[in-house]
Amino acid sequence: MAIQSRVVNDLLYLGIKGGVLAMRKSDGTVAWFTKLRRGITFVPLILDGDRIYAASCGEVSCLDAVTGTLVWHNELKGYGVGYAAIAGASFPIGAAALEQAARGAAAGGAVAAMG
């Protein structure tokens, strides 16, 4: 799992050309590209652990973040084909902010509400 985490941390993900492209941060080379079933130009993405969730044409796909392999796909029948926003609960930035706030509180500093 540690090796997989390192690989995910070295990749930058782009929703582009109706799919998901993974580039190596170290040198900018393409690691993989996965075309979505109904992909269009605009593809919102979210990375959550070792999974990437991508929305396109009213459908959502889950990809393996290391290989780009399709894990599952949902056509979201009955919800239309317009643009979709995508969100998740576990983000490193949120965890880092909470950790920093906890350190500040432990040191006697004031904790500011984040919005």
PDB file of N, CA and C in Angstrom:
ATOM      1  N   MET A   1       0.819  -1.195   0.000  1.00  0.00           N
ATOM      2  CA  MET A   1       0.000   0.000   0.000  1.00  0.00           C
ATOM      3  C   MET A   1       0.862   1.258   0.000  1.00  0.00           C
ATOM      4  N   ALA A   2       2.011   1.235   0.678  1.00  0.00           N
ATOM      5  CA  ALA A   2       2.882   2.407   0.712  1.00  0.00           C
ATOM      6  C   ALA A   2       3.393   2.755  -0.676  1.00  0.00           C
ATOM      7  N   ILE A   3       3.737   1.752  -1.476  1.00  0.00           N
ATOM      8  CA  ILE A   3       4.201   2.005  -2.843  1.00  0.00           C
ATOM      9  C   ILE A   3       3.076   2.619  -3.650  1.00  0.00           C
ATOM     10  N   GLN A   4       1.860   2.106  -3.512  1.00  0.00           N
ATOM     11  CA  GLN A   4       0.722   2.650  -4.234  1.00  0.00           C
ATOM     12  C   GLN A   4       0.484   4.103  -3.828  1.00  0.00           C
ATOM     13  N   SER A   5       0.592   4.431  -2.555  1.00  0.00           N
ATOM     14  CA  SER A   5       0.425   5.814  -2.094  1.00  0.00           C
ATOM     15  C   SER A   5       1.468   6.730  -2.713  1.00  0.00           C
ATOM     16  N   ARG A   6       2.710   6.252  -2.798  1.00  0.00           N
ATOM     17  CA  ARG A   6       3.769   7.056  -3.421  1.00  0.00           C
ATOM     18  C   ARG A   6       3.458   7.316  -4.881  1.00  0.00           C
ATOM     19  N   VAL A   7       2.943   6.284  -5.588  1.00  0.00           N
ATOM     20  CA  VAL A   7       2.621   6.452  -7.005  1.00  0.00           C
ATOM     21  C   VAL A   7       1.511   7.481  -7.163  1.00  0.00           C
ATOM     22  N   VAL A   8       0.451   7.379  -6.355  1.00  0.00           N
ATOM     23  CA  VAL A   8      -0.646   8.339  -6.425  1.00  0.00           C
ATOM     24  C   VAL A   8      -0.134   9.742  -6.124  1.00  0.00           C
ATOM     25  N   ASN A   9       0.743   9.885  -5.144  1.00  0.00           N
ATOM     26  CA  ASN A   9       1.275  11.203  -4.790  1.00  0.00           C
ATOM     27  C   ASN A   9       2.134  11.799  -5.888  1.00  0.00           C
ATOM     28  N   ASP A  10       2.677  10.989  -6.788  1.00  0.00           N
ATOM     29  CA  ASP A  10       3.507  11.486  -7.887  1.00  0.00           C
ATOM     30  C   ASP A  10       2.671  11.854  -9.109  1.00  0.00           C
ATOM     31  N   LEU A  11       1.370  11.596  -9.077  1.00  0.00           N
ATOM     32  CA  LEU A  11       0.552  11.835 -10.253  1.00  0.00           C
ATOM     33  C   LEU A  11      -0.315  13.080 -10.113  1.00  0.00           C
ATOM     34  N   LEU A  12      -0.499  13.758 -11.227  1.00  0.00           N
ATOM     35  CA  LEU A  12      -1.391  14.900 -11.345  1.00  0.00           C
ATOM     36  C   LEU A  12      -2.506  14.471 -12.291  1.00  0.00           C
ATOM     37  N   TYR A  13      -3.759  14.692 -11.917  1.00  0.00           N
ATOM     38  CA  TYR A  13      -4.892  14.219 -12.711  1.00  0.00           C
ATOM     39  C   TYR A  13      -5.602  15.378 -13.388  1.00  0.00           C
ATOM     40  N   LEU A  14      -5.940  15.176 -14.668  1.00  0.00           N
ATOM     41  CA  LEU A  14      -6.651  16.185 -15.440  1.00  0.00           C
ATOM     42  C   LEU A  14      -7.894  15.565 -16.064  1.00  0.00           C
ATOM     43  N   GLY A  15      -9.021  16.262 -15.959  1.00  0.00           N
ATOM     44  CA  GLY A  15     -10.218  15.865 -16.695  1.00  0.00           C
ATOM     45  C   GLY A  15     -10.168  16.595 -18.017  1.00  0.00           C
ATOM     46  N   ILE A  16      -9.874  15.877 -19.080  1.00  0.00           N
ATOM     47  CA  ILE A  16      -9.617  16.513 -20.372  1.00  0.00           C
ATOM     48  C   ILE A  16     -10.029  15.591 -21.517  1.00  0.00           C
ATOM     49  N   LYS A  17     -10.521  16.178 -22.582  1.00  0.00           N
ATOM     50  CA  LYS A  17     -10.847  15.467 -23.814  1.00  0.00           C
ATOM     51  C   LYS A  17     -11.737  14.241 -23.566  1.00  0.00           C
ATOM     52  N   GLY A  18     -12.713  14.404 -22.668  1.00  0.00           N
ATOM     53  CA  GLY A  18     -13.669  13.332 -22.422  1.00  0.00           C
ATOM     54  C   GLY A  18     -13.133  12.170 -21.617  1.00  0.00           C
ATOM     55  N   GLY A  19     -12.042  12.402 -20.891  1.00  0.00           N
ATOM     56  CA  GLY A  19     -11.461  11.322 -20.102  1.00  0.00           C
ATOM     57  C   GLY A  19     -10.638  11.855 -18.953  1.00  0.00           C
ATOM     58  N   VAL A  20      -9.864  10.961 -18.370  1.00  0.00           N
ATOM     59  CA  VAL A  20      -8.993  11.312 -17.254  1.00  0.00           C
ATOM     60  C   VAL A  20      -7.563  10.991 -17.658  1.00  0.00           C
ATOM     61  N   LEU A  21      -6.686  11.980 -17.488  1.00  0.00           N
ATOM     62  CA  LEU A  21      -5.278  11.827 -17.832  1.00  0.00           C
ATOM     63  C   LEU A  21      -4.449  11.942 -16.562  1.00  0.00           C
ATOM     64  N   ALA A  22      -3.519  11.019 -16.375  1.00  0.00           N
ATOM     65  CA  ALA A  22      -2.606  11.073 -15.232  1.00  0.00           C
ATOM     66  C   ALA A  22      -1.213  11.404 -15.746  1.00  0.00           C
ATOM     67  N   MET A  23      -0.637  12.473 -15.188  1.00  0.00           N
ATOM     68  CA  MET A  23       0.719  12.888 -15.551  1.00  0.00           C
ATOM     69  C   MET A  23       1.626  12.737 -14.343  1.00  0.00           C
ATOM     70  N   ARG A  24       2.875  12.359 -14.610  1.00  0.00           N
ATOM     71  CA  ARG A  24       3.867  12.277 -13.532  1.00  0.00           C
ATOM     72  C   ARG A  24       4.327  13.687 -13.182  1.00  0.00           C
ATOM     73  N   LYS A  25       4.219  14.050 -11.908  1.00  0.00           N
ATOM     74  CA  LYS A  25       4.639  15.372 -11.462  1.00  0.00           C
ATOM     75  C   LYS A  25       6.142  15.561 -11.638  1.00  0.00           C
ATOM     76  N   SER A  26       6.887  14.486 -11.513  1.00  0.00           N
ATOM     77  CA  SER A  26       8.345  14.571 -11.550  1.00  0.00           C
ATOM     78  C   SER A  26       8.892  15.007 -12.907  1.00  0.00           C
ATOM     79  N   ASP A  27       8.228  14.587 -14.009  1.00  0.00           N
ATOM     80  CA  ASP A  27       8.775  14.922 -15.322  1.00  0.00           C
ATOM     81  C   ASP A  27       7.729  15.306 -16.372  1.00  0.00           C
ATOM     82  N   GLY A  28       6.452  15.306 -15.999  1.00  0.00           N
ATOM     83  CA  GLY A  28       5.405  15.727 -16.928  1.00  0.00           C
ATOM     84  C   GLY A  28       4.986  14.698 -17.955  1.00  0.00           C
ATOM     85  N   THR A  29       5.507  13.484 -17.862  1.00  0.00           N
ATOM     86  CA  THR A  29       5.119  12.463 -18.824  1.00  0.00           C
ATOM     87  C   THR A  29       3.742  11.902 -18.475  1.00  0.00           C
ATOM     88  N   VAL A  30       3.055  11.379 -19.491  1.00  0.00           N
ATOM     89  CA  VAL A  30       1.729  10.797 -19.292  1.00  0.00           C
ATOM     90  C   VAL A  30       1.881   9.374 -18.769  1.00  0.00           C
ATOM     91  N   ALA A  31       1.229   9.103 -17.620  1.00  0.00           N
ATOM     92  CA  ALA A  31       1.243   7.758 -17.048  1.00  0.00           C
ATOM     93  C   ALA A  31       0.139   6.905 -17.673  1.00  0.00           C
ATOM     94  N   TRP A  32      -1.052   7.499 -17.834  1.00  0.00           N
ATOM     95  CA  TRP A  32      -2.166   6.802 -18.470  1.00  0.00           C
ATOM     96  C   TRP A  32      -3.258   7.791 -18.844  1.00  0.00           C
ATOM     97  N   PHE A  33      -4.135   7.366 -19.758  1.00  0.00           N
ATOM     98  CA  PHE A  33      -5.320   8.126 -20.140  1.00  0.00           C
ATOM     99  C   PHE A  33      -6.467   7.138 -20.253  1.00  0.00           C
ATOM    100  N   THR A  34      -7.589   7.441 -19.610  1.00  0.00           N
ATOM    101  CA  THR A  34      -8.780   6.591 -19.694  1.00  0.00           C
ATOM    102  C   THR A  34      -9.923   7.417 -20.267  1.00  0.00           C
ATOM    103  N   LYS A  35     -10.431   7.005 -21.404  1.00  0.00           N
ATOM    104  CA  LYS A  35     -11.584   7.655 -22.031  1.00  0.00           C
ATOM    105  C   LYS A  35     -12.835   7.215 -21.289  1.00  0.00           C
ATOM    106  N   LEU A  36     -13.675   8.171 -20.899  1.00  0.00           N
ATOM    107  CA  LEU A  36     -14.927   7.840 -20.228  1.00  0.00           C
ATOM    108  C   LEU A  36     -15.973   7.409 -21.247  1.00  0.00           C
ATOM    109  N   ARG A  37     -16.943   6.632 -20.816  1.00  0.00           N
ATOM    110  CA  ARG A  37     -17.947   6.085 -21.736  1.00  0.00           C
ATOM    111  C   ARG A  37     -18.669   7.157 -22.530  1.00  0.00           C
ATOM    112  N   ARG A  38     -19.077   8.230 -21.876  1.00  0.00           N
ATOM    113  CA  ARG A  38     -19.764   9.319 -22.556  1.00  0.00           C
ATOM    114  C   ARG A  38     -19.017  10.613 -22.299  1.00  0.00           C
ATOM    115  N   GLY A  39     -17.730  10.552 -22.408  1.00  0.00           N
ATOM    116  CA  GLY A  39     -16.906  11.707 -22.096  1.00  0.00           C
ATOM    117  C   GLY A  39     -17.073  12.860 -23.056  1.00  0.00           C
ATOM    118  N   ILE A  40     -17.068  14.069 -22.472  1.00  0.00           N
ATOM    119  CA  ILE A  40     -17.061  15.297 -23.265  1.00  0.00           C
ATOM    120  C   ILE A  40     -15.844  16.100 -22.826  1.00  0.00           C
ATOM    121  N   THR A  41     -15.727  17.302 -23.286  1.00  0.00           N
ATOM    122  CA  THR A  41     -14.559  18.113 -22.966  1.00  0.00           C
ATOM    123  C   THR A  41     -14.416  18.368 -21.472  1.00  0.00           C
ATOM    124  N   PHE A  42     -15.480  18.822 -20.804  1.00  0.00           N
ATOM    125  CA  PHE A  42     -15.433  19.197 -19.391  1.00  0.00           C
ATOM    126  C   PHE A  42     -15.656  17.961 -18.514  1.00  0.00           C
ATOM    127  N   VAL A  43     -14.655  17.602 -17.696  1.00  0.00           N
ATOM    128  CA  VAL A  43     -14.742  16.421 -16.835  1.00  0.00           C
ATOM    129  C   VAL A  43     -14.286  16.795 -15.421  1.00  0.00           C
ATOM    130  N   PRO A  44     -15.233  17.084 -14.505  1.00  0.00           N
ATOM    131  CA  PRO A  44     -14.848  17.341 -13.119  1.00  0.00           C
ATOM    132  C   PRO A  44     -14.333  16.063 -12.465  1.00  0.00           C
ATOM    133  N   LEU A  45     -13.318  16.210 -11.637  1.00  0.00           N
ATOM    134  CA  LEU A  45     -12.686  15.059 -10.975  1.00  0.00           C
ATOM    135  C   LEU A  45     -12.567  15.296  -9.481  1.00  0.00           C
ATOM    136  N   ILE A  46     -12.446  14.195  -8.760  1.00  0.00           N
ATOM    137  CA  ILE A  46     -12.074  14.257  -7.356  1.00  0.00           C
ATOM    138  C   ILE A  46     -11.216  13.032  -7.064  1.00  0.00           C
ATOM    139  N   LEU A  47     -10.140  13.244  -6.346  1.00  0.00           N
ATOM    140  CA  LEU A  47      -9.259  12.161  -5.922  1.00  0.00           C
ATOM    141  C   LEU A  47      -9.563  11.883  -4.459  1.00  0.00           C
ATOM    142  N   ASP A  48      -9.853  10.640  -4.138  1.00  0.00           N
ATOM    143  CA  ASP A  48     -10.142  10.241  -2.762  1.00  0.00           C
ATOM    144  C   ASP A  48      -9.376   8.950  -2.501  1.00  0.00           C
ATOM    145  N   GLY A  49      -8.241   9.068  -1.835  1.00  0.00           N
ATOM    146  CA  GLY A  49      -7.404   7.889  -1.586  1.00  0.00           C
ATOM    147  C   GLY A  49      -6.841   7.352  -2.880  1.00  0.00           C
ATOM    148  N   ASP A  50      -7.135   6.093  -3.170  1.00  0.00           N
ATOM    149  CA  ASP A  50      -6.623   5.473  -4.391  1.00  0.00           C
ATOM    150  C   ASP A  50      -7.684   5.394  -5.485  1.00  0.00           C
ATOM    151  N   ARG A  51      -8.713   6.225  -5.391  1.00  0.00           N
ATOM    152  CA  ARG A  51      -9.787   6.256  -6.382  1.00  0.00           C
ATOM    153  C   ARG A  51      -9.974   7.662  -6.930  1.00  0.00           C
ATOM    154  N   ILE A  52     -10.329   7.727  -8.209  1.00  0.00           N
ATOM    155  CA  ILE A  52     -10.684   8.982  -8.858  1.00  0.00           C
ATOM    156  C   ILE A  52     -12.138   8.857  -9.285  1.00  0.00           C
ATOM    157  N   TYR A  53     -12.923   9.875  -8.969  1.00  0.00           N
ATOM    158  CA  TYR A  53     -14.313   9.910  -9.382  1.00  0.00           C
ATOM    159  C   TYR A  53     -14.439  11.012 -10.423  1.00  0.00           C
ATOM    160  N   ALA A  54     -15.037  10.662 -11.567  1.00  0.00           N
ATOM    161  CA  ALA A  54     -15.148  11.596 -12.681  1.00  0.00           C
ATOM    162  C   ALA A  54     -16.590  11.663 -13.148  1.00  0.00           C
ATOM    163  N   ALA A  55     -17.077  12.875 -13.415  1.00  0.00           N
ATOM    164  CA  ALA A  55     -18.440  13.070 -13.907  1.00  0.00           C
ATOM    165  C   ALA A  55     -18.391  13.584 -15.333  1.00  0.00           C
ATOM    166  N   SER A  56     -19.263  13.023 -16.190  1.00  0.00           N
ATOM    167  CA  SER A  56     -19.305  13.472 -17.571  1.00  0.00           C
ATOM    168  C   SER A  56     -20.626  13.047 -18.199  1.00  0.00           C
ATOM    169  N   CYS A  57     -21.293  13.975 -18.878  1.00  0.00           N
ATOM    170  CA  CYS A  57     -22.560  13.713 -19.574  1.00  0.00           C
ATOM    171  C   CYS A  57     -23.595  13.066 -18.671  1.00  0.00           C
ATOM    172  N   GLY A  58     -23.684  13.503 -17.430  1.00  0.00           N
ATOM    173  CA  GLY A  58     -24.683  12.976 -16.521  1.00  0.00           C
ATOM    174  C   GLY A  58     -24.370  11.603 -15.971  1.00  0.00           C
ATOM    175  N   GLU A  59     -23.146  11.135 -16.115  1.00  0.00           N
ATOM    176  CA  GLU A  59     -22.731   9.834 -15.603  1.00  0.00           C
ATOM    177  C   GLU A  59     -21.532  10.016 -14.682  1.00  0.00           C
ATOM    178  N   VAL A  60     -21.290   9.040 -13.826  1.00  0.00           N
ATOM    179  CA  VAL A  60     -20.125   9.101 -12.942  1.00  0.00           C
ATOM    180  C   VAL A  60     -19.359   7.786 -13.053  1.00  0.00           C
ATOM    181  N   SER A  61     -18.036   7.906 -13.059  1.00  0.00           N
ATOM    182  CA  SER A  61     -17.161   6.738 -13.151  1.00  0.00           C
ATOM    183  C   SER A  61     -16.163   6.779 -12.010  1.00  0.00           C
ATOM    184  N   CYS A  62     -15.769   5.614 -11.554  1.00  0.00           N
ATOM    185  CA  CYS A  62     -14.735   5.476 -10.534  1.00  0.00           C
ATOM    186  C   CYS A  62     -13.559   4.756 -11.178  1.00  0.00           C
ATOM    187  N   LEU A  63     -12.372   5.360 -11.081  1.00  0.00           N
ATOM    188  CA  LEU A  63     -11.167   4.783 -11.673  1.00  0.00           C
ATOM    189  C   LEU A  63     -10.128   4.505 -10.597  1.00  0.00           C
ATOM    190  N   ASP A  64      -9.305   3.502 -10.832  1.00  0.00           N
ATOM    191  CA  ASP A  64      -8.148   3.249  -9.978  1.00  0.00           C
ATOM    192  C   ASP A  64      -7.143   4.365 -10.250  1.00  0.00           C
ATOM    193  N   ALA A  65      -6.686   5.056  -9.217  1.00  0.00           N
ATOM    194  CA  ALA A  65      -5.817   6.222  -9.386  1.00  0.00           C
ATOM    195  C   ALA A  65      -4.422   5.865  -9.886  1.00  0.00           C
ATOM    196  N   VAL A  66      -3.981   4.646  -9.674  1.00  0.00           N
ATOM    197  CA  VAL A  66      -2.641   4.244 -10.104  1.00  0.00           C
ATOM    198  C   VAL A  66      -2.641   3.796 -11.563  1.00  0.00           C
ATOM    199  N   THR A  67      -3.661   3.031 -11.967  1.00  0.00           N
ATOM    200  CA  THR A  67      -3.663   2.427 -13.300  1.00  0.00           C
ATOM    201  C   THR A  67      -4.643   3.052 -14.286  1.00  0.00           C
ATOM    202  N   GLY A  68      -5.665   3.764 -13.773  1.00  0.00           N
ATOM    203  CA  GLY A  68      -6.702   4.302 -14.646  1.00  0.00           C
ATOM    204  C   GLY A  68      -7.767   3.288 -15.012  1.00  0.00           C
ATOM    205  N   THR A  69      -7.704   2.110 -14.448  1.00  0.00           N
ATOM    206  CA  THR A  69      -8.668   1.052 -14.733  1.00  0.00           C
ATOM    207  C   THR A  69     -10.041   1.426 -14.169  1.00  0.00           C
ATOM    208  N   LEU A  70     -11.083   1.202 -14.957  1.00  0.00           N
ATOM    209  CA  LEU A  70     -12.443   1.468 -14.514  1.00  0.00           C
ATOM    210  C   LEU A  70     -12.812   0.504 -13.393  1.00  0.00           C
ATOM    211  N   VAL A  71     -13.208   1.045 -12.241  1.00  0.00           N
ATOM    212  CA  VAL A  71     -13.633   0.235 -11.098  1.00  0.00           C
ATOM    213  C   VAL A  71     -15.138   0.030 -11.164  1.00  0.00           C
ATOM    214  N   TRP A  72     -15.880   1.116 -11.385  1.00  0.00           N
ATOM    215  CA  TRP A  72     -17.319   1.029 -11.596  1.00  0.00           C
ATOM    216  C   TRP A  72     -17.807   2.249 -12.365  1.00  0.00           C
ATOM    217  N   HIS A  73     -19.030   2.129 -12.880  1.00  0.00           N
ATOM    218  CA  HIS A  73     -19.638   3.193 -13.680  1.00  0.00           C
ATOM    219  C   HIS A  73     -21.131   3.218 -13.369  1.00  0.00           C
ATOM    220  N   ASN A  74     -21.709   4.427 -13.247  1.00  0.00           N
ATOM    221  CA  ASN A  74     -23.134   4.560 -13.000  1.00  0.00           C
ATOM    222  C   ASN A  74     -23.693   5.562 -13.995  1.00  0.00           C
ATOM    223  N   GLU A  75     -24.675   5.150 -14.772  1.00  0.00           N
ATOM    224  CA  GLU A  75     -25.267   6.019 -15.790  1.00  0.00           C
ATOM    225  C   GLU A  75     -26.189   7.077 -15.193  1.00  0.00           C
ATOM    226  N   LEU A  76     -26.517   6.994 -13.909  1.00  0.00           N
ATOM    227  CA  LEU A  76     -27.388   7.958 -13.224  1.00  0.00           C
ATOM    228  C   LEU A  76     -28.664   8.222 -14.028  1.00  0.00           C
ATOM    229  N   LYS A  77     -29.305   7.147 -14.461  1.00  0.00           N
ATOM    230  CA  LYS A  77     -30.522   7.272 -15.269  1.00  0.00           C
ATOM    231  C   LYS A  77     -31.557   8.127 -14.554  1.00  0.00           C
ATOM    232  N   GLY A  78     -32.148   9.030 -15.311  1.00  0.00           N
ATOM    233  CA  GLY A  78     -33.193   9.886 -14.789  1.00  0.00           C
ATOM    234  C   GLY A  78     -32.703  11.212 -14.238  1.00  0.00           C
ATOM    235  N   TYR A  79     -31.393  11.438 -14.247  1.00  0.00           N
ATOM    236  CA  TYR A  79     -30.857  12.687 -13.708  1.00  0.00           C
ATOM    237  C   TYR A  79     -30.411  13.672 -14.782  1.00  0.00           C
ATOM    238  N   GLY A  80     -30.556  13.335 -16.045  1.00  0.00           N
ATOM    239  CA  GLY A  80     -30.191  14.241 -17.125  1.00  0.00           C
ATOM    240  C   GLY A  80     -28.726  14.112 -17.515  1.00  0.00           C
ATOM    241  N   VAL A  81     -28.332  14.938 -18.478  1.00  0.00           N
ATOM    242  CA  VAL A  81     -26.970  14.840 -18.997  1.00  0.00           C
ATOM    243  C   VAL A  81     -26.187  16.148 -18.879  1.00  0.00           C
ATOM    244  N   GLY A  82     -26.663  17.067 -18.070  1.00  0.00           N
ATOM    245  CA  GLY A  82     -25.986  18.356 -17.914  1.00  0.00           C
ATOM    246  C   GLY A  82     -24.699  18.235 -17.121  1.00  0.00           C
ATOM    247  N   TYR A  83     -24.089  19.398 -16.861  1.00  0.00           N
ATOM    248  CA  TYR A  83     -22.863  19.444 -16.076  1.00  0.00           C
ATOM    249  C   TYR A  83     -23.131  18.985 -14.650  1.00  0.00           C
ATOM    250  N   ALA A  84     -22.129  18.403 -14.041  1.00  0.00           N
ATOM    251  CA  ALA A  84     -22.251  17.931 -12.656  1.00  0.00           C
ATOM    252  C   ALA A  84     -21.099  18.475 -11.831  1.00  0.00           C
ATOM    253  N   ALA A  85     -21.396  18.804 -10.594  1.00  0.00           N
ATOM    254  CA  ALA A  85     -20.350  19.150  -9.634  1.00  0.00           C
ATOM    255  C   ALA A  85     -20.074  17.883  -8.834  1.00  0.00           C
ATOM    256  N   ILE A  86     -18.871  17.739  -8.357  1.00  0.00           N
ATOM    257  CA  ILE A  86     -18.503  16.515  -7.651  1.00  0.00           C
ATOM    258  C   ILE A  86     -17.760  16.913  -6.376  1.00  0.00           C
ATOM    259  N   ALA A  87     -18.028  16.212  -5.274  1.00  0.00           N
ATOM    260  CA  ALA A  87     -17.406  16.534  -3.993  1.00  0.00           C
ATOM    261  C   ALA A  87     -17.212  15.255  -3.192  1.00  0.00           C
ATOM    262  N   GLY A  88     -16.338  15.304  -2.229  1.00  0.00           N
ATOM    263  CA  GLY A  88     -16.084  14.150  -1.372  1.00  0.00           C
ATOM    264  C   GLY A  88     -15.756  14.615   0.030  1.00  0.00           C
ATOM    265  N   ALA A  89     -15.605  13.668   0.937  1.00  0.00           N
ATOM    266  CA  ALA A  89     -15.433  14.008   2.344  1.00  0.00           C
ATOM    267  C   ALA A  89     -13.992  14.005   2.828  1.00  0.00           C
ATOM    268  N   SER A  90     -13.105  13.283   2.185  1.00  0.00           N
ATOM    269  CA  SER A  90     -11.749  13.183   2.731  1.00  0.00           C
ATOM    270  C   SER A  90     -10.735  13.836   1.810  1.00  0.00           C
ATOM    271  N   PHE A  91     -10.247  14.995   2.252  1.00  0.00           N
ATOM    272  CA  PHE A  91      -9.260  15.727   1.485  1.00  0.00           C
ATOM    273  C   PHE A  91      -8.045  15.991   2.353  1.00  0.00           C
ATOM    274  N   PRO A  92      -6.827  15.796   1.843  1.00  0.00           N
ATOM    275  CA  PRO A  92      -5.624  16.083   2.612  1.00  0.00           C
ATOM    276  C   PRO A  92      -5.579  17.524   3.118  1.00  0.00           C
ATOM    277  N   ILE A  93      -6.049  18.500   2.344  1.00  0.00           N
ATOM    278  CA  ILE A  93      -6.014  19.898   2.762  1.00  0.00           C
ATOM    279  C   ILE A  93      -6.868  20.083   4.010  1.00  0.00           C
ATOM    280  N   GLY A  94      -8.055  19.493   4.037  1.00  0.00           N
ATOM    281  CA  GLY A  94      -8.919  19.589   5.211  1.00  0.00           C
ATOM    282  C   GLY A  94      -8.268  18.962   6.423  1.00  0.00           C
ATOM    283  N   ALA A  95      -7.638  17.805   6.234  1.00  0.00           N
ATOM    284  CA  ALA A  95      -6.966  17.129   7.347  1.00  0.00           C
ATOM    285  C   ALA A  95      -5.804  17.968   7.852  1.00  0.00           C
ATOM    286  N   ALA A  96      -5.047  18.571   6.950  1.00  0.00           N
ATOM    287  CA  ALA A  96      -3.909  19.398   7.349  1.00  0.00           C
ATOM    288  C   ALA A  96      -4.389  20.629   8.112  1.00  0.00           C
ATOM    289  N   ALA A  97      -5.486  21.229   7.666  1.00  0.00           N
ATOM    290  CA  ALA A  97      -6.030  22.404   8.344  1.00  0.00           C
ATOM    291  C   ALA A  97      -6.498  22.046   9.751  1.00  0.00           C
ATOM    292  N   LEU A  98      -7.153  20.904   9.893  1.00  0.00           N
ATOM    293  CA  LEU A  98      -7.609  20.471  11.212  1.00  0.00           C
ATOM    294  C   LEU A  98      -6.431  20.180  12.132  1.00  0.00           C
ATOM    295  N   GLU A  99      -5.401  19.536  11.573  1.00  0.00           N
ATOM    296  CA  GLU A  99      -4.209  19.228  12.368  1.00  0.00           C
ATOM    297  C   GLU A  99      -3.530  20.518  12.837  1.00  0.00           C
ATOM    298  N   GLN A 100      -3.417  21.485  11.941  1.00  0.00           N
ATOM    299  CA  GLN A 100      -2.798  22.764  12.297  1.00  0.00           C
ATOM    300  C   GLN A 100      -3.632  23.481  13.367  1.00  0.00           C
ATOM    301  N   ALA A 101      -4.957  23.450  13.238  1.00  0.00           N
ATOM    302  CA  ALA A 101      -5.826  24.080  14.233  1.00  0.00           C
ATOM    303  C   ALA A 101      -5.674  23.406  15.583  1.00  0.00           C
ATOM    304  N   ALA A 102      -5.570  22.076  15.586  1.00  0.00           N
ATOM    305  CA  ALA A 102      -5.405  21.339  16.845  1.00  0.00           C
ATOM    306  C   ALA A 102      -4.083  21.697  17.505  1.00  0.00           C
ATOM    307  N   ARG A 103      -3.018  21.824  16.695  1.00  0.00           N
ATOM    308  CA  ARG A 103      -1.711  22.215  17.257  1.00  0.00           C
ATOM    309  C   ARG A 103      -1.783  23.618  17.855  1.00  0.00           C
ATOM    310  N   GLY A 104      -2.472  24.517  17.150  1.00  0.00           N
ATOM    311  CA  GLY A 104      -2.612  25.879  17.638  1.00  0.00           C
ATOM    312  C   GLY A 104      -3.391  25.925  18.943  1.00  0.00           C
ATOM    313  N   ALA A 105      -4.452  25.128  19.028  1.00  0.00           N
ATOM    314  CA  ALA A 105      -5.266  25.091  20.250  1.00  0.00           C
ATOM    315  C   ALA A 105      -4.457  24.501  21.401  1.00  0.00           C
ATOM    316  N   ALA A 106      -3.669  23.467  21.114  1.00  0.00           N
ATOM    317  CA  ALA A 106      -2.851  22.838  22.147  1.00  0.00           C
ATOM    318  C   ALA A 106      -1.788  23.811  22.668  1.00  0.00           C
ATOM    319  N   ALA A 107      -1.320  24.707  21.774  1.00  0.00           N
ATOM    320  CA  ALA A 107      -0.301  25.677  22.165  1.00  0.00           C
ATOM    321  C   ALA A 107      -0.927  26.903  22.816  1.00  0.00           C
ATOM    322  N   GLY A 108      -2.262  26.909  22.952  1.00  0.00           N
ATOM    323  CA  GLY A 108      -2.927  28.028  23.597  1.00  0.00           C
ATOM    324  C   GLY A 108      -3.325  29.125  22.634  1.00  0.00           C
ATOM    325  N   GLY A 109      -3.158  28.882  21.339  1.00  0.00           N
ATOM    326  CA  GLY A 109      -3.522  29.895  20.353  1.00  0.00           C
ATOM    327  C   GLY A 109      -5.007  29.842  20.054  1.00  0.00           C
ATOM    328  N   ALA A 110      -5.489  30.866  19.412  1.00  0.00           N
ATOM    329  CA  ALA A 110      -6.901  30.929  19.028  1.00  0.00           C
ATOM    330  C   ALA A 110      -7.103  30.119  17.745  1.00  0.00           C
ATOM    331  N   VAL A 111      -8.212  29.456  17.661  1.00  0.00           N
ATOM    332  CA  VAL A 111      -8.565  28.698  16.454  1.00  0.00           C
ATOM    333  C   VAL A 111      -9.612  29.475  15.706  1.00  0.00           C
ATOM    334  N   ALA A 112      -9.309  29.806  14.485  1.00  0.00           N
ATOM    335  CA  ALA A 112     -10.243  30.560  13.649  1.00  0.00           C
ATOM    336  C   ALA A 112     -11.149  29.597  12.897  1.00  0.00           C
ATOM    337  N   ALA A 113     -12.369  29.973  12.723  1.00  0.00           N
ATOM    338  CA  ALA A 113     -13.292  29.153  11.947  1.00  0.00           C
ATOM    339  C   ALA A 113     -12.910  29.253  10.482  1.00  0.00           C
ATOM    340  N   MET A 114     -12.945  28.112   9.813  1.00  0.00           N
ATOM    341  CA  MET A 114     -12.598  28.089   8.399  1.00  0.00           C
ATOM    342  C   MET A 114     -13.865  27.922   7.603  1.00  0.00           C
ATOM    343  N   GLY A 115     -13.985  28.658   6.498  1.00  0.00           N
ATOM    344  CA  GLY A 115     -15.195  28.579   5.705  1.00  0.00           C
ATOM    345  C   GLY A 115     -14.960  28.180   4.322  1.00  0.00           C
TER     346      GLY A 115
END
